Every structure is written in C-alpha cells, then in structure tokens.
Amino acid sequence: MIPVLGLVVGVVLGLVFEPTVPLSLQPYLPIAVVAALDAVFGGARARLDRVFDARVFVISFVSNVVVAALIVFLGDQLGVGAQLSTAVVVVLGIRIFGNAAAIRRHVFRA
C-alpha cells in the first residue's frame, strides 16, 4: 500500500508543480525511465518468486539508471548517441518483456 500511496503523491506533486527538465538532460530522461522500469519489473518478479530483497532492488534501480545514462552520455561524446540510446532501450526492453512474461506466468499460471 505504501508504494501505491507514494506513486499517487508523486503524480500529484508532478501535476501541481509541473517540473521542467533542462534541455541538456532531456536526451537522458527516456533512458532513465526505461532503466527504472526494468528495475521495477525485476523487483515485481523477484517478489513473486519470493526472493525480493529491498537492498538489491534499490541498488539495481539506481545502478540501472546511472549505467544507462552513462552509456548514452558516452555515445553523445563519441557522436553515436542515437545508436547507443537505441541499443540501451532494446536491451532494457528485452529484460522488461522477459520479466513481464515471468510475472504473467505467476499471476495467470500460463
């Protein structure tokens, strides 16, 4: 219940304050969101597998976002930012769909 309450409070605060992302950070925001979603789906899967550890989840969440952002930053510095952004999204997308499939198998027994 606490995570749902935190999500609702975060959405409301975002709607009220309407934060803006600086132009220099805008290329990294979608990558950070996808990396965070990967950690969330991984945490949900771990919870269903009964192996969830909050410390591992937090470390995974932060490290996914930081590593993905660093890869995109490195790509920008090398002039291949779009290609590395696509690669990061594809890899994380595959992980997200794999975790979603495992969650579906747990929930629907199919």
Protein backbone atom coordinates (compact mmCIF):
# COMPACT_ATOMS: atom_id res chain seq x y z
CA MET A 1 0.00 0.00 0.00
CA ILE A 2 2.86 2.38 0.75
CA PRO A 3 4.33 2.15 -2.80
CA VAL A 4 0.91 2.92 -4.32
CA LEU A 5 0.48 5.89 -1.99
CA GLY A 6 3.97 7.11 -2.91
CA LEU A 7 3.13 6.81 -6.60
CA VAL A 8 -0.09 8.79 -6.18
CA VAL A 9 1.67 11.51 -4.16
CA GLY A 10 4.44 11.71 -6.78
CA VAL A 11 1.98 12.05 -9.65
CA VAL A 12 0.00 14.73 -7.82
CA LEU A 13 3.16 16.68 -6.98
CA GLY A 14 4.29 16.43 -10.59
CA LEU A 15 0.97 17.77 -11.83
CA VAL A 16 0.91 20.60 -9.29
CA PHE A 17 4.50 21.81 -9.68
CA GLU A 18 4.93 20.94 -13.39
CA PRO A 19 8.70 20.44 -13.20
CA THR A 20 10.77 21.08 -16.31
CA VAL A 21 13.75 19.07 -17.43
CA PRO A 22 16.74 21.14 -18.55
CA LEU A 23 17.41 20.90 -22.26
CA SER A 24 20.82 19.32 -21.68
CA LEU A 25 19.26 16.44 -19.70
CA GLN A 26 16.28 15.74 -21.97
CA PRO A 27 18.03 13.03 -24.04
CA TYR A 28 18.71 11.07 -20.84
CA LEU A 29 15.22 11.16 -19.34
CA PRO A 30 13.62 8.46 -21.54
CA ILE A 31 16.61 6.18 -20.98
CA ALA A 32 16.41 6.73 -17.22
CA VAL A 33 12.68 5.95 -17.24
CA VAL A 34 13.18 2.71 -19.19
CA ALA A 35 16.04 1.70 -16.87
CA ALA A 36 13.87 2.42 -13.84
CA LEU A 37 11.01 0.38 -15.33
CA ASP A 38 13.41 -2.52 -15.81
CA ALA A 39 14.27 -2.41 -12.11
CA VAL A 40 10.60 -2.17 -11.12
CA PHE A 41 9.59 -5.15 -13.26
CA GLY A 42 12.59 -7.08 -11.93
CA GLY A 43 11.53 -6.25 -8.38
CA ALA A 44 7.96 -7.36 -9.05
CA ARG A 45 9.23 -10.62 -10.50
CA ALA A 46 11.52 -11.18 -7.52
CA ARG A 47 8.61 -10.53 -5.20
CA LEU A 48 6.52 -13.18 -6.95
CA ASP A 49 9.49 -15.57 -6.87
CA ARG A 50 9.74 -14.86 -3.11
CA VAL A 51 13.35 -13.76 -3.40
CA PHE A 52 12.80 -9.99 -3.16
CA ASP A 53 15.41 -8.02 -1.23
CA ALA A 54 14.84 -4.28 -0.78
CA ARG A 55 18.57 -3.53 -0.72
CA VAL A 56 19.15 -5.37 -4.00
CA PHE A 57 16.15 -3.57 -5.52
CA VAL A 58 17.40 -0.10 -4.57
CA ILE A 59 20.92 -0.84 -5.79
CA SER A 60 19.54 -2.30 -9.03
CA PHE A 61 17.26 0.70 -9.53
CA VAL A 62 20.00 3.29 -9.04
CA SER A 63 22.70 1.40 -10.91
CA ASN A 64 20.40 0.72 -13.91
CA VAL A 65 19.62 4.41 -14.25
CA VAL A 66 23.23 5.52 -13.77
CA VAL A 67 24.74 2.95 -16.15
CA ALA A 68 22.14 3.61 -18.85
CA ALA A 69 22.69 7.37 -18.58
CA LEU A 70 26.47 6.92 -18.71
CA ILE A 71 26.22 4.77 -21.83
CA VAL A 72 24.08 7.39 -23.56
CA PHE A 73 26.42 10.18 -22.38
CA LEU A 74 29.41 8.27 -23.75
CA GLY A 75 27.56 7.80 -27.02
CA ASP A 76 26.87 11.53 -27.20
CA GLN A 77 30.55 12.27 -26.63
CA LEU A 78 31.54 9.82 -29.38
CA GLY A 79 28.88 11.12 -31.76
CA VAL A 80 26.82 7.94 -31.76
CA GLY A 81 24.32 8.88 -29.03
CA ALA A 82 21.25 7.87 -31.01
CA GLN A 83 22.63 4.42 -31.78
CA LEU A 84 23.64 3.73 -28.19
CA SER A 85 20.31 5.08 -26.93
CA THR A 86 18.55 2.63 -29.21
CA ALA A 87 20.78 -0.20 -28.02
CA VAL A 88 20.07 0.59 -24.36
CA VAL A 89 16.32 0.76 -24.97
CA VAL A 90 16.38 -2.55 -26.88
CA VAL A 91 18.36 -4.37 -24.18
CA LEU A 92 16.27 -2.99 -21.34
CA GLY A 93 13.09 -3.61 -23.33
CA ILE A 94 14.02 -7.26 -23.75
CA ARG A 95 14.59 -7.52 -19.99
CA ILE A 96 11.29 -5.78 -19.24
CA PHE A 97 9.34 -8.11 -21.52
CA GLY A 98 11.11 -11.14 -20.05
CA ASN A 99 10.16 -10.05 -16.54
CA ALA A 100 6.62 -9.23 -17.70
CA ALA A 101 6.30 -12.73 -19.13
CA ALA A 102 7.50 -14.26 -15.85
CA ILE A 103 5.01 -12.10 -13.93
CA ARG A 104 2.23 -13.19 -16.29
CA ARG A 105 3.15 -16.84 -15.72
CA HIS A 106 2.98 -16.32 -11.95
CA VAL A 107 -0.28 -14.42 -11.97
CA PHE A 108 -2.21 -16.39 -14.58
CA ARG A 109 -0.41 -19.73 -14.26
CA ALA A 110 0.03 -19.67 -18.03
